[in-house]
C-alpha atoms as a PDB file:
ATOM      1  CA  MET A   1      48.522  35.323  -0.847  1.00  0.00           C
ATOM      2  CA  LYS A   2      46.562  35.535   2.394  1.00  0.00           C
ATOM      3  CA  THR A   3      43.336  33.671   2.894  1.00  0.00           C
ATOM      4  CA  ASP A   4      41.027  34.438   5.750  1.00  0.00           C
ATOM      5  CA  VAL A   5      39.522  31.281   7.128  1.00  0.00           C
ATOM      6  CA  LYS A   6      36.748  31.972   9.576  1.00  0.00           C
ATOM      7  CA  PRO A   7      36.068  29.302  12.161  1.00  0.00           C
ATOM      8  CA  LEU A   8      32.647  27.781  12.061  1.00  0.00           C
ATOM      9  CA  LYS A   9      30.313  29.208  14.639  1.00  0.00           C
ATOM     10  CA  GLN A  10      29.422  26.353  16.932  1.00  0.00           C
ATOM     11  CA  GLY A  11      27.097  26.126  19.862  1.00  0.00           C
ATOM     12  CA  LEU A  12      28.243  25.721  23.422  1.00  0.00           C
ATOM     13  CA  LEU A  13      27.226  22.070  23.664  1.00  0.00           C
ATOM     14  CA  SER A  14      29.015  21.257  20.436  1.00  0.00           C
ATOM     15  CA  ARG A  15      32.212  22.895  21.653  1.00  0.00           C
ATOM     16  CA  ILE A  16      32.022  21.058  24.987  1.00  0.00           C
ATOM     17  CA  PHE A  17      31.462  17.742  23.209  1.00  0.00           C
ATOM     18  CA  HIS A  18      34.426  18.295  20.877  1.00  0.00           C
ATOM     19  CA  LEU A  19      36.647  19.307  23.807  1.00  0.00           C
ATOM     20  CA  TYR A  20      35.990  16.028  25.617  1.00  0.00           C
ATOM     21  CA  TYR A  21      36.022  13.980  22.408  1.00  0.00           C
ATOM     22  CA  ASP A  22      39.459  15.287  21.419  1.00  0.00           C
ATOM     23  CA  GLY A  23      40.740  14.838  24.969  1.00  0.00           C
ATOM     24  CA  PHE A  24      39.658  11.206  25.249  1.00  0.00           C
ATOM     25  CA  ARG A  25      40.843  10.411  21.732  1.00  0.00           C
ATOM     26  CA  THR A  26      44.423  11.429  22.553  1.00  0.00           C
ATOM     27  CA  MET A  27      44.547   9.630  25.917  1.00  0.00           C
ATOM     28  CA  THR A  28      46.499   6.419  26.305  1.00  0.00           C
ATOM     29  CA  LEU A  29      46.657   5.565  29.998  1.00  0.00           C
ATOM     30  CA  GLY A  30      43.510   7.538  30.768  1.00  0.00           C
ATOM     31  CA  LYS A  31      41.307   5.244  28.687  1.00  0.00           C
ATOM     32  CA  THR A  32      42.447   2.238  30.666  1.00  0.00           C
ATOM     33  CA  LEU A  33      41.940   4.004  33.984  1.00  0.00           C
ATOM     34  CA  TRP A  34      38.433   5.148  33.020  1.00  0.00           C
ATOM     35  CA  ALA A  35      37.573   1.604  31.949  1.00  0.00           C
ATOM     36  CA  VAL A  36      38.737   0.254  35.321  1.00  0.00           C
ATOM     37  CA  ILE A  37      36.750   2.937  37.167  1.00  0.00           C
ATOM     38  CA  LEU A  38      33.560   2.201  35.209  1.00  0.00           C
ATOM     39  CA  ILE A  39      33.902  -1.556  35.735  1.00  0.00           C
ATOM     40  CA  LYS A  40      34.419  -1.068  39.475  1.00  0.00           C
ATOM     41  CA  LEU A  41      31.390   1.227  39.719  1.00  0.00           C
ATOM     42  CA  ALA A  42      29.210  -1.258  37.860  1.00  0.00           C
ATOM     43  CA  ILE A  43      30.283  -4.076  40.184  1.00  0.00           C
ATOM     44  CA  ILE A  44      29.748  -1.948  43.285  1.00  0.00           C
ATOM     45  CA  PHE A  45      26.247  -0.873  42.258  1.00  0.00           C
ATOM     46  CA  LEU A  46      25.241  -4.396  41.252  1.00  0.00           C
ATOM     47  CA  VAL A  47      26.406  -5.768  44.604  1.00  0.00           C
ATOM     48  CA  LEU A  48      24.612  -2.980  46.474  1.00  0.00           C
ATOM     49  CA  LYS A  49      21.407  -3.642  44.552  1.00  0.00           C
ATOM     50  CA  LEU A  50      21.504  -7.381  45.141  1.00  0.00           C
ATOM     51  CA  PHE A  51      22.390  -7.432  48.826  1.00  0.00           C
ATOM     52  CA  PHE A  52      21.243  -4.148  50.341  1.00  0.00           C
ATOM     53  CA  PHE A  53      18.033  -3.341  48.461  1.00  0.00           C
ATOM     54  CA  PRO A  54      15.860  -6.452  48.513  1.00  0.00           C
ATOM     55  CA  ASP A  55      12.607  -6.527  46.580  1.00  0.00           C
ATOM     56  CA  PHE A  56      10.039  -5.731  49.282  1.00  0.00           C
ATOM     57  CA  ILE A  57       7.150  -5.199  46.905  1.00  0.00           C
ATOM     58  CA  ASN A  58       7.210  -8.693  45.409  1.00  0.00           C
ATOM     59  CA  THR A  59       7.693 -10.361  48.781  1.00  0.00           C
ATOM     60  CA  ASN A  60       4.967  -8.408  50.609  1.00  0.00           C
ATOM     61  CA  ALA A  61       2.319  -7.916  47.913  1.00  0.00           C
ATOM     62  CA  LYS A  62      -0.427 -10.518  48.078  1.00  0.00           C
ATOM     63  CA  ASN A  63      -1.546 -12.234  44.878  1.00  0.00           C
ATOM     64  CA  GLY A  64       0.531  -9.949  42.672  1.00  0.00           C
ATOM     65  CA  ASP A  65      -1.325  -6.792  43.765  1.00  0.00           C
ATOM     66  CA  LYS A  66       1.709  -4.517  43.657  1.00  0.00           C
ATOM     67  CA  ALA A  67      -0.247  -1.317  43.035  1.00  0.00           C
ATOM     68  CA  GLY A  68      -2.531  -1.990  45.988  1.00  0.00           C
ATOM     69  CA  PHE A  69       0.408  -2.702  48.271  1.00  0.00           C
ATOM     70  CA  VAL A  70       2.207   0.497  47.261  1.00  0.00           C
ATOM     71  CA  SER A  71      -0.895   2.675  47.622  1.00  0.00           C
ATOM     72  CA  LYS A  72      -1.658   1.156  51.048  1.00  0.00           C
ATOM     73  CA  GLU A  73       1.914   1.807  52.219  1.00  0.00           C
ATOM     74  CA  ILE A  74       1.874   5.399  50.967  1.00  0.00           C
ATOM     75  CA  LEU A  75      -1.506   6.219  52.512  1.00  0.00           C
ATOM     76  CA  ASN A  76      -0.810   4.562  55.865  1.00  0.00           C
ATOM     77  CA  ARG A  77       2.516   6.269  56.521  1.00  0.00           C
END
């Protein structure tokens, strides 16, 4: 007895999602490596934000007039 089972017609995004979902589900070492990579990226971006991008608007705006400071800087440049 032969039964014809037709695969469900899925959209492109659904197929891409299931491809990555199945791939990550079967990983063992890869999950650990991705976790290490994501933790390192988070630390790097937090350090960059804290030390290399200071908050110029709050330090230079007078009396909390942030919008006025930004508009003055945009128009005068």
